[in-house]
């Protein structure tokens, strides 16, 4: 196991069947071995009132991570998870990490029935906005609750990433939904070559190549080496790569978060879908 210390988790969702499903998955010994972590589910709650009561009554056994539903339909809050995240962060600062789980991406954007119900371009904008709001509220992860395929995989990856001190936003169901919509609807316009699109954002060739390397999942250290080779430079420091990413985010008009930068790059046609390693 990666850590002998168990990662303590609390689940908050207004649907009992969903909470039971999470508990069964997270307590599965085989899945814990597969992802090389140990998880202990401390408790589960249907709402924030019972959650905060537990946290106040059990100050010495706070969770490491809270899995928090985005939509609390019983309370009439379609984005209630963001409000609760802000409240947790206000009361407990950085002592507890939060992963917001959403059912928004349970259905593929390419299905005809789904297309009739929701404008796809608007969905892309809403998705980006919700994830940005989750980040702003203090969430460290945003995961799709797609029960058919992705639920267990994404939950474990998110928990493992956040326990390592990383973030987890750019996961398969979210990306696949956006890409399906992008390919089917947004790119019906005349195709514009990525280098031409880059000019619109004042991105130079090095910026564009940097973006495309980010899309393949390369860490900053590898990007530094590969950029130097590609443009016949002696070397790039990690600091230089970090500063370039900040400038790219500024040119794209978004906050400096690698997940949001890649989402924007895919949406704007700067990075090809088949370049993205998810």
Protein backbone atom coordinates (compact mmCIF):
# COMPACT_ATOMS: atom_id res chain seq x y z
CA UNK A 1 0.00 0.00 0.00
CA UNK A 2 1.14 3.56 -0.76
CA UNK A 3 0.38 4.71 2.77
CA UNK A 4 -0.09 2.66 5.92
CA UNK A 5 -2.27 5.46 7.32
CA UNK A 6 -5.86 5.21 6.17
CA UNK A 7 -7.43 8.14 4.36
CA UNK A 8 -10.52 9.11 6.37
CA UNK A 9 -13.53 9.96 4.19
CA UNK A 10 -17.04 11.31 4.82
CA UNK A 11 -19.81 11.07 2.20
CA UNK A 12 -22.56 13.70 1.85
CA UNK A 13 -25.36 12.99 -0.63
CA UNK A 14 -29.13 13.31 -0.34
CA UNK A 15 -29.72 9.91 -1.99
CA UNK A 16 -29.29 6.86 0.31
CA UNK A 17 -28.61 4.49 -2.61
CA UNK A 18 -25.80 6.71 -3.86
CA UNK A 19 -24.21 6.89 -0.40
CA UNK A 20 -24.42 3.09 -0.10
CA UNK A 21 -22.80 2.71 -3.51
CA UNK A 22 -19.92 5.00 -2.58
CA UNK A 23 -19.35 3.14 0.68
CA UNK A 24 -19.31 -0.24 -1.06
CA UNK A 25 -16.79 1.00 -3.64
CA UNK A 26 -14.52 2.84 -1.23
CA UNK A 27 -14.39 -0.07 1.22
CA UNK A 28 -13.64 -2.61 -1.51
CA UNK A 29 -10.28 -4.12 -0.56
CA UNK A 30 -9.46 -5.12 -4.14
CA UNK A 31 -10.03 -1.59 -5.41
CA UNK A 32 -7.90 -0.19 -2.59
CA UNK A 33 -5.09 -2.53 -3.61
CA UNK A 34 -5.50 -1.60 -7.28
CA UNK A 35 -5.12 2.12 -6.50
CA UNK A 36 -2.54 1.53 -3.78
CA UNK A 37 -4.34 3.39 -0.99
CA UNK A 38 -6.28 2.58 2.17
CA UNK A 39 -9.63 4.26 2.83
CA UNK A 40 -11.82 4.39 5.91
CA UNK A 41 -15.36 5.76 5.55
CA UNK A 42 -16.04 7.53 8.85
CA UNK A 43 -19.70 8.37 8.20
CA UNK A 44 -22.25 9.42 5.61
CA UNK A 45 -24.92 12.12 5.74
CA UNK A 46 -27.88 13.32 3.66
CA UNK A 47 -27.30 17.05 4.21
CA UNK A 48 -24.97 19.73 5.54
CA UNK A 49 -26.81 20.10 8.86
CA UNK A 50 -26.00 16.56 9.96
CA UNK A 51 -22.48 16.89 8.53
CA UNK A 52 -21.64 19.99 10.56
CA UNK A 53 -23.14 18.49 13.71
CA UNK A 54 -20.84 15.46 13.30
CA UNK A 55 -17.78 17.65 12.67
CA UNK A 56 -18.51 19.74 15.76
CA UNK A 57 -19.14 16.67 17.95
CA UNK A 58 -16.06 14.80 16.68
CA UNK A 59 -13.40 17.49 16.58
CA UNK A 60 -10.58 14.99 17.19
CA UNK A 61 -11.52 12.68 14.32
CA UNK A 62 -12.00 15.01 11.38
CA UNK A 63 -11.99 13.45 7.91
CA UNK A 64 -9.15 13.97 5.44
CA UNK A 65 -11.59 14.25 2.55
CA UNK A 66 -15.32 14.91 2.14
CA UNK A 67 -17.13 13.55 -0.93
CA UNK A 68 -19.82 16.15 -1.44
CA UNK A 69 -22.78 15.99 -3.82
CA UNK A 70 -23.24 18.99 -6.11
CA UNK A 71 -27.02 18.82 -6.49
CA UNK A 72 -29.18 18.75 -3.36
CA UNK A 73 -32.55 18.44 -5.06
CA UNK A 74 -34.39 17.77 -1.81
CA UNK A 75 -33.25 21.18 -0.59
CA UNK A 76 -33.90 22.86 -3.93
CA UNK A 77 -30.20 23.63 -4.49
CA UNK A 78 -28.88 22.56 -7.91
CA UNK A 79 -25.38 23.73 -6.92
CA UNK A 80 -25.68 23.32 -3.16
CA UNK A 81 -22.32 21.57 -3.00
CA UNK A 82 -20.55 24.83 -3.80
CA UNK A 83 -22.32 26.66 -0.96
CA UNK A 84 -21.48 23.85 1.48
CA UNK A 85 -17.86 23.82 0.31
CA UNK A 86 -17.53 27.52 1.10
CA UNK A 87 -19.01 26.92 4.56
CA UNK A 88 -16.63 24.00 5.28
CA UNK A 89 -13.65 26.09 4.20
CA UNK A 90 -14.81 29.03 6.30
CA UNK A 91 -15.09 26.89 9.44
CA UNK A 92 -12.18 24.48 8.98
CA UNK A 93 -9.79 26.30 6.60
CA UNK A 94 -7.47 23.78 4.93
CA UNK A 95 -7.87 21.03 7.53
CA UNK A 96 -10.36 19.18 5.32
CA UNK A 97 -10.15 18.62 1.55
CA UNK A 98 -13.31 18.48 -0.55
CA UNK A 99 -14.24 16.58 -3.70
CA UNK A 100 -17.48 17.71 -5.34
CA UNK A 101 -19.34 14.90 -7.12
CA UNK A 102 -21.84 15.77 -9.84
CA UNK A 103 -24.38 13.73 -11.76
CA UNK A 104 -24.43 16.35 -14.53
CA UNK A 105 -22.33 14.17 -16.81
CA UNK A 106 -24.11 10.86 -16.36
CA UNK A 107 -25.36 10.85 -19.94
CA UNK A 108 -23.24 11.19 -23.10
CA UNK A 109 -23.68 14.48 -24.91
CA UNK A 110 -23.84 12.66 -28.22
CA UNK A 111 -27.09 10.81 -27.42
CA UNK A 112 -29.98 12.20 -29.45
CA UNK A 113 -32.40 12.34 -26.50
CA UNK A 114 -29.94 14.35 -24.44
CA UNK A 115 -29.23 16.73 -27.31
CA UNK A 116 -32.91 17.60 -27.64
CA UNK A 117 -33.14 18.49 -23.97
CA UNK A 118 -30.12 20.72 -23.61
CA UNK A 119 -28.27 23.17 -25.80
CA UNK A 120 -24.78 21.71 -26.10
CA UNK A 121 -22.86 24.94 -26.53
CA UNK A 122 -24.53 26.34 -23.44
CA UNK A 123 -23.72 23.10 -21.59
CA UNK A 124 -20.00 23.57 -22.33
CA UNK A 125 -20.09 27.10 -20.93
CA UNK A 126 -22.05 25.98 -17.87
CA UNK A 127 -19.65 23.09 -17.22
CA UNK A 128 -16.63 25.41 -17.27
CA UNK A 129 -18.43 27.91 -15.02
CA UNK A 130 -19.43 25.28 -12.44
CA UNK A 131 -15.93 23.80 -12.26
CA UNK A 132 -14.45 27.30 -11.90
CA UNK A 133 -16.91 28.04 -9.08
CA UNK A 134 -15.98 24.76 -7.38
CA UNK A 135 -12.30 25.71 -7.51
CA UNK A 136 -13.04 29.22 -6.25
CA UNK A 137 -15.06 27.77 -3.35
CA UNK A 138 -12.06 25.69 -2.28
CA UNK A 139 -12.80 22.24 -3.71
CA UNK A 140 -9.72 20.22 -4.65
CA UNK A 141 -11.57 17.86 -6.99
CA UNK A 142 -14.61 17.68 -9.26
CA UNK A 143 -15.77 14.21 -10.28
CA UNK A 144 -18.55 12.89 -12.50
CA UNK A 145 -20.93 10.38 -11.01
CA UNK A 146 -21.33 8.12 -14.02
CA UNK A 147 -22.48 4.89 -12.37
CA UNK A 148 -22.08 2.77 -15.49
CA UNK A 149 -18.38 3.18 -16.06
CA UNK A 150 -16.47 5.89 -14.27
CA UNK A 151 -17.67 6.13 -10.69
CA UNK A 152 -15.18 3.86 -8.91
CA UNK A 153 -12.21 4.76 -11.08
CA UNK A 154 -12.65 8.51 -10.74
CA UNK A 155 -13.40 8.44 -7.03
CA UNK A 156 -10.25 6.47 -6.27
CA UNK A 157 -8.10 8.57 -8.59
CA UNK A 158 -9.46 11.76 -7.08
CA UNK A 159 -8.87 10.62 -3.50
CA UNK A 160 -5.37 9.39 -4.32
CA UNK A 161 -4.44 12.60 -6.16
CA UNK A 162 -5.71 14.89 -3.43
CA UNK A 163 -4.04 12.83 -0.71
CA UNK A 164 -0.77 13.42 -2.61
CA UNK A 165 -1.37 17.16 -2.50
CA UNK A 166 -2.58 17.42 -6.11
CA UNK A 167 -5.94 18.41 -7.62
CA UNK A 168 -8.40 16.39 -9.70
CA UNK A 169 -10.70 18.23 -12.10
CA UNK A 170 -9.89 17.14 -15.64
CA UNK A 171 -11.38 13.63 -15.48
CA UNK A 172 -12.78 11.46 -18.23
CA UNK A 173 -16.57 11.92 -18.06
CA UNK A 174 -16.36 15.71 -17.87
CA UNK A 175 -13.86 15.87 -20.70
CA UNK A 176 -15.64 13.30 -22.87
CA UNK A 177 -18.95 15.14 -22.53
CA UNK A 178 -17.38 18.42 -23.57
CA UNK A 179 -15.43 16.80 -26.42
CA UNK A 180 -18.50 14.99 -27.76
CA UNK A 181 -20.43 18.25 -27.78
CA UNK A 182 -17.47 20.12 -29.24
CA UNK A 183 -17.01 17.70 -32.12
CA UNK A 184 -20.68 17.36 -32.93
CA UNK A 185 -21.79 20.97 -32.64
CA UNK A 186 -19.13 23.59 -32.06
CA UNK A 187 -16.77 22.42 -34.80
CA UNK A 188 -19.43 22.45 -37.50
CA UNK A 189 -17.90 25.81 -38.31
CA UNK A 190 -15.14 25.96 -40.93
CA UNK A 191 -12.06 24.30 -39.44
CA UNK A 192 -9.33 26.71 -38.41
CA UNK A 193 -5.81 25.34 -38.04
CA UNK A 194 -4.52 25.50 -34.41
CA UNK A 195 -1.71 27.93 -35.29
CA UNK A 196 -4.27 30.33 -36.76
CA UNK A 197 -6.47 29.95 -33.68
CA UNK A 198 -3.41 30.63 -31.50
CA UNK A 199 -2.93 34.03 -33.19
CA UNK A 200 -6.38 35.07 -31.98
CA UNK A 201 -5.14 34.65 -28.38
CA UNK A 202 -1.67 36.07 -29.08
CA UNK A 203 -0.11 32.67 -28.37
CA UNK A 204 3.24 32.05 -30.05
CA UNK A 205 4.54 28.72 -31.35
CA UNK A 206 6.19 27.89 -28.03
CA UNK A 207 2.94 28.62 -26.14
CA UNK A 208 0.97 26.35 -28.49
CA UNK A 209 3.50 23.54 -28.23
CA UNK A 210 3.50 23.92 -24.45
CA UNK A 211 -0.30 23.54 -24.45
CA UNK A 212 -0.14 20.44 -26.61
CA UNK A 213 2.49 18.89 -24.34
CA UNK A 214 0.31 19.63 -21.30
CA UNK A 215 -2.53 17.80 -23.04
CA UNK A 216 -0.47 14.61 -23.23
CA UNK A 217 -0.11 14.61 -19.45
CA UNK A 218 3.60 15.48 -19.36
CA UNK A 219 4.85 16.96 -16.08
CA UNK A 220 6.59 20.35 -16.07
CA UNK A 221 10.05 18.76 -15.93
CA UNK A 222 9.46 16.81 -19.17
CA UNK A 223 7.88 19.81 -20.86
CA UNK A 224 10.99 21.84 -20.01
CA UNK A 225 13.25 19.28 -21.68
CA UNK A 226 11.04 18.68 -24.74
CA UNK A 227 10.41 22.38 -25.39
CA UNK A 228 14.15 23.03 -25.33
CA UNK A 229 14.68 20.27 -27.90
CA UNK A 230 11.78 21.36 -30.10
CA UNK A 231 12.94 24.97 -30.30
CA UNK A 232 16.69 24.31 -30.11
CA UNK A 233 17.18 26.09 -26.84
CA UNK A 234 19.79 25.14 -24.27
CA UNK A 235 17.29 24.48 -21.53
CA UNK A 236 14.13 25.69 -19.81
CA UNK A 237 13.90 25.81 -16.03
CA UNK A 238 10.87 24.57 -14.15
CA UNK A 239 10.31 28.18 -13.10
CA UNK A 240 10.27 29.27 -16.74
CA UNK A 241 7.67 26.60 -17.56
CA UNK A 242 5.53 27.68 -14.61
CA UNK A 243 5.75 31.32 -15.67
CA UNK A 244 4.86 30.44 -19.27
CA UNK A 245 1.77 28.54 -18.08
CA UNK A 246 0.73 31.64 -16.11
CA UNK A 247 1.10 33.78 -19.25
CA UNK A 248 -0.88 31.26 -21.33
CA UNK A 249 -3.72 31.31 -18.80
CA UNK A 250 -3.70 35.11 -18.86
CA UNK A 251 -3.85 35.17 -22.68
CA UNK A 252 -6.76 32.70 -22.63
CA UNK A 253 -8.56 34.85 -20.08
CA UNK A 254 -8.87 32.19 -17.37
CA UNK A 255 -7.34 31.44 -13.97
CA UNK A 256 -4.04 29.57 -13.89
CA UNK A 257 -5.24 26.02 -13.37
CA UNK A 258 -3.92 23.31 -15.70
CA UNK A 259 -7.29 21.55 -15.86
CA UNK A 260 -9.17 24.68 -16.93
CA UNK A 261 -6.40 25.67 -19.36
CA UNK A 262 -6.70 22.31 -21.14
CA UNK A 263 -10.48 22.47 -21.19
CA UNK A 264 -10.30 25.92 -22.77
CA UNK A 265 -7.67 24.72 -25.26
CA UNK A 266 -9.88 21.85 -26.42
CA UNK A 267 -12.93 24.09 -26.65
CA UNK A 268 -11.06 26.69 -28.71
CA UNK A 269 -9.46 24.21 -31.10
CA UNK A 270 -5.91 24.83 -29.89
CA UNK A 271 -5.43 21.20 -28.91
CA UNK A 272 -6.70 18.24 -30.92
CA UNK A 273 -9.02 15.86 -29.08
CA UNK A 274 -6.81 12.87 -29.85
CA UNK A 275 -3.85 14.63 -28.22
CA UNK A 276 -5.48 14.65 -24.80
CA UNK A 277 -4.36 11.78 -22.58
CA UNK A 278 -7.16 11.02 -20.11
